[in-house]
Protein backbone atom coordinates (compact mmCIF):
# COMPACT_ATOMS: atom_id res chain seq x y z
CA MET A 1 68.09 -41.16 -17.51
CA GLY A 2 68.57 -38.71 -14.72
CA GLU A 3 71.18 -36.03 -13.92
CA TRP A 4 74.81 -36.46 -13.77
CA LYS A 5 75.98 -35.92 -10.41
CA ALA A 6 79.65 -34.79 -9.34
CA PRO A 7 81.23 -36.28 -6.13
CA LEU A 8 81.84 -33.90 -3.36
CA SER A 9 84.23 -34.53 -0.23
CA LEU A 10 83.89 -32.37 2.81
CA ARG A 11 85.68 -32.48 6.35
CA VAL A 12 83.19 -32.23 9.25
CA ARG A 13 83.55 -32.71 12.98
CA ARG A 14 83.00 -36.30 14.08
CA ASP A 15 80.05 -35.25 16.34
CA LEU A 16 78.55 -33.40 13.25
CA ARG A 17 78.84 -36.56 10.97
CA THR A 18 77.36 -38.90 13.68
CA GLY A 19 74.49 -36.62 14.03
CA LEU A 20 73.88 -36.53 10.27
CA GLU A 21 74.05 -40.26 10.01
CA GLU A 22 71.65 -40.76 12.82
CA PHE A 23 69.19 -38.36 11.39
CA ALA A 24 69.58 -39.76 7.98
CA ALA A 25 68.87 -43.14 9.27
CA ARG A 26 65.65 -42.07 10.95
CA ASP A 27 64.47 -40.30 7.87
CA LYS A 28 65.29 -43.35 5.95
CA ARG A 29 67.97 -41.64 3.71
CA THR A 30 71.55 -42.22 2.81
CA LEU A 31 74.07 -39.75 4.23
CA GLY A 32 74.86 -38.76 0.69
CA ASN A 33 71.22 -38.31 -0.11
CA LEU A 34 70.74 -36.13 3.19
CA GLY A 35 73.82 -34.17 2.54
CA GLU A 36 72.56 -33.33 -1.10
CA VAL A 37 69.21 -32.25 -0.01
CA LEU A 38 70.72 -30.02 2.84
CA LEU A 39 73.26 -28.34 0.55
CA GLU A 40 70.54 -27.71 -2.12
CA TRP A 41 68.35 -26.15 0.27
CA SER A 42 71.19 -24.10 2.12
CA PHE A 43 72.58 -22.94 -1.17
CA GLN A 44 69.19 -21.35 -2.19
CA GLN A 45 68.88 -19.76 1.25
CA LEU A 46 72.37 -18.17 0.66
CA LEU A 47 71.67 -17.09 -2.69
CA ALA A 48 68.32 -15.38 -1.23
CA ALA A 49 70.44 -13.87 1.50
CA GLY A 50 73.26 -12.58 -0.76
CA SER A 51 76.18 -13.48 1.64
CA THR A 52 77.02 -16.02 4.41
CA GLU A 53 77.21 -12.99 6.77
CA ARG A 54 73.43 -11.91 6.05
CA LEU A 55 72.36 -15.48 6.00
CA LEU A 56 73.96 -16.35 9.44
CA LYS A 57 72.43 -13.33 10.89
CA HIS A 58 68.84 -14.77 10.73
CA LYS A 59 67.87 -17.04 13.73
CA ILE A 60 66.02 -20.16 13.13
CA ARG A 61 63.27 -20.75 15.86
CA SER A 62 62.86 -24.23 17.08
CA ARG A 63 59.65 -26.29 16.61
CA VAL A 64 59.27 -26.49 20.59
CA HIS A 65 59.42 -22.71 20.83
CA ASN A 66 56.99 -22.12 17.89
CA SER A 67 54.30 -24.87 19.18
CA ALA A 68 54.50 -23.41 22.79
CA ARG A 69 53.80 -19.83 21.35
CA ARG A 70 50.79 -21.24 19.44
CA THR A 71 49.41 -22.79 22.28
CA ASP A 72 49.75 -19.87 24.41
CA SER A 73 48.08 -17.42 21.87
CA SER A 74 45.34 -20.02 20.97
CA SER A 75 44.63 -20.30 24.80
CA ARG A 76 44.31 -16.66 25.19
CA ARG A 77 41.88 -16.36 22.39
CA HIS A 78 39.56 -19.18 23.64
CA SER A 79 39.79 -17.76 27.28
CA VAL A 80 37.91 -14.53 26.85
C-alpha cells in the first residue's frame, strides 16, 4: 500500500519557491513531489560527498556549456 511519508516544512526565499513552483508545473509535478525528488537526490549526493563543504565545492556544468563543448569538439574531429 505504499510507503508512509512524514511531512516536512521548509522556509525558503520567495523567489526560490516561485521558481520551484514554475518548474514543477512545467514538469507536470506538484511542488511537494518535486521537493521530494530533489531532496532524495541531493541527500544521496551529500552522502557520497561526506559533508556539505565537500558537496558544495563541486561545480555543476550547465547544459548550454556542455552542448557547446560537444559541438566544438565534434566539428574539430570532422574538419581534419
